[in-house]
Amino acid sequence: MSAGGYLLLIFFGAIALLVILLPLLSKRQTARSDFEVEFGKMPLVQQLAQEREAVLQALRDLEFDYQTGKLAQSDYLPQREALLARGAQLLRQLEQERERALEDAIRAARQSKET
């Protein structure tokens, strides 16, 4: 193949890669922006939400491995229970932090209204 052929191959390969990756990158950016708007400057809430997403992904992976036969039921059940328990704990913590943040915002609004 000539040098021109290699250049065309690289060019079309780069365009195909861009077409494939562009939707994935734009969705991540949108999700991150929505997350920042919803939670603002609450790093603990962000950390808990990220950990919750990681637990959900681990559950999906675990289920996939079990369904495809890569994981025995004796290994699957305890891992699943542990992940579900951690997910429930994270949801409780998230709810508490959101309530605390809401109460702080209400308190700040009332104080600014009084002064």
Protein backbone atom coordinates (compact mmCIF):
# COMPACT_ATOMS: atom_id res chain seq x y z
CA MET A 1 0.00 0.00 0.00
CA SER A 2 1.25 3.47 -0.80
CA ALA A 3 1.75 6.35 1.63
CA GLY A 4 -1.46 7.96 0.38
CA GLY A 5 -3.37 4.78 1.13
CA TYR A 6 -2.04 4.72 4.68
CA LEU A 7 -2.97 8.37 5.17
CA LEU A 8 -6.52 7.71 3.97
CA LEU A 9 -6.77 4.69 6.27
CA ILE A 10 -5.63 6.75 9.27
CA PHE A 11 -7.96 9.61 8.33
CA PHE A 12 -11.06 7.44 8.04
CA GLY A 13 -10.10 5.50 11.16
CA ALA A 14 -9.86 8.74 13.15
CA ILE A 15 -13.25 9.89 11.86
CA ALA A 16 -14.84 6.55 12.77
CA LEU A 17 -13.33 6.70 16.25
CA LEU A 18 -14.60 10.26 16.71
CA VAL A 19 -18.11 9.28 15.59
CA ILE A 20 -18.13 6.40 18.06
CA LEU A 21 -16.72 8.30 21.05
CA LEU A 22 -18.46 11.65 20.64
CA PRO A 23 -21.88 10.55 21.99
CA LEU A 24 -20.24 8.84 24.95
CA LEU A 25 -18.23 11.91 25.87
CA SER A 26 -21.15 14.31 25.50
CA LYS A 27 -23.40 12.15 27.75
CA ARG A 28 -20.78 12.10 30.49
CA GLN A 29 -20.44 15.86 30.37
CA THR A 30 -24.22 16.35 30.53
CA ALA A 31 -24.57 13.97 33.45
CA ARG A 32 -21.76 15.69 35.32
CA SER A 33 -23.32 19.11 34.71
CA ASP A 34 -26.74 17.94 35.95
CA PHE A 35 -25.09 16.47 39.03
CA GLU A 36 -23.25 19.72 39.80
CA VAL A 37 -26.42 21.79 39.39
CA GLU A 38 -28.40 19.50 41.69
CA PHE A 39 -25.85 19.22 44.48
CA GLY A 40 -23.78 22.38 44.12
CA LYS A 41 -20.94 22.50 46.61
CA MET A 42 -21.67 19.42 48.71
CA PRO A 43 -18.62 17.18 48.39
CA LEU A 44 -19.92 14.54 50.82
CA VAL A 45 -23.12 14.14 48.81
CA GLN A 46 -21.10 13.89 45.61
CA GLN A 47 -18.85 11.28 47.16
CA LEU A 48 -21.81 9.24 48.40
CA ALA A 49 -23.57 9.48 45.02
CA GLN A 50 -20.43 8.34 43.21
CA GLU A 51 -20.01 5.43 45.58
CA ARG A 52 -23.66 4.51 45.06
CA GLU A 53 -23.10 4.44 41.29
CA ALA A 54 -20.04 2.22 41.81
CA VAL A 55 -22.10 -0.19 43.93
CA LEU A 56 -24.82 -0.31 41.26
CA GLN A 57 -22.23 -1.05 38.59
CA ALA A 58 -20.69 -3.77 40.76
CA LEU A 59 -24.15 -5.31 41.16
CA ARG A 60 -24.65 -5.27 37.39
CA ASP A 61 -21.26 -6.87 36.83
CA LEU A 62 -21.90 -9.48 39.51
CA GLU A 63 -25.28 -10.36 37.99
CA PHE A 64 -23.74 -10.63 34.54
CA ASP A 65 -20.98 -12.92 35.80
CA TYR A 66 -23.52 -15.11 37.56
CA GLN A 67 -25.84 -15.28 34.54
CA THR A 68 -22.98 -16.21 32.22
CA GLY A 69 -21.76 -18.95 34.55
CA LYS A 70 -18.51 -17.29 35.55
CA LEU A 71 -19.58 -17.20 39.19
CA ALA A 72 -20.99 -19.99 41.34
CA GLN A 73 -24.15 -19.41 43.35
CA SER A 74 -22.23 -19.98 46.59
CA ASP A 75 -20.02 -16.99 45.70
CA TYR A 76 -22.76 -14.92 44.10
CA LEU A 77 -25.26 -14.77 46.97
CA PRO A 78 -22.95 -13.42 49.73
CA GLN A 79 -21.43 -10.84 47.40
CA ARG A 80 -24.87 -9.74 46.23
CA GLU A 81 -26.13 -9.39 49.81
CA ALA A 82 -23.07 -7.35 50.80
CA LEU A 83 -23.50 -5.01 47.83
CA LEU A 84 -27.22 -4.59 48.49
CA ALA A 85 -26.54 -3.79 52.15
CA ARG A 86 -23.91 -1.22 51.19
CA GLY A 87 -26.26 0.32 48.62
CA ALA A 88 -29.03 0.64 51.21
CA GLN A 89 -26.62 2.24 53.67
CA LEU A 90 -25.49 4.73 51.02
CA LEU A 91 -29.10 5.63 50.19
CA ARG A 92 -29.81 6.33 53.87
CA GLN A 93 -26.70 8.50 54.15
CA LEU A 94 -27.58 10.37 50.96
CA GLU A 95 -31.08 11.09 52.23
CA GLN A 96 -29.72 12.37 55.56
CA GLU A 97 -27.19 14.63 53.84
CA ARG A 98 -29.81 16.01 51.45
CA GLU A 99 -32.17 16.74 54.36
CA ARG A 100 -29.35 18.42 56.28
CA ALA A 101 -28.45 20.55 53.26
CA LEU A 102 -32.08 21.55 52.76
CA GLU A 103 -32.42 22.51 56.42
CA ASP A 104 -29.22 24.56 56.21
CA ALA A 105 -30.51 26.36 53.13
CA ILE A 106 -33.84 27.13 54.83
CA ARG A 107 -32.04 28.37 57.94
CA ALA A 108 -29.76 30.60 55.86
CA ALA A 109 -32.72 32.01 53.93
CA ARG A 110 -34.55 32.81 57.15
CA GLN A 111 -31.49 34.48 58.65
CA SER A 112 -30.94 36.61 55.55
CA LYS A 113 -34.61 37.57 55.59
CA GLU A 114 -34.42 38.66 59.26
CA THR A 115 -31.42 40.93 58.71
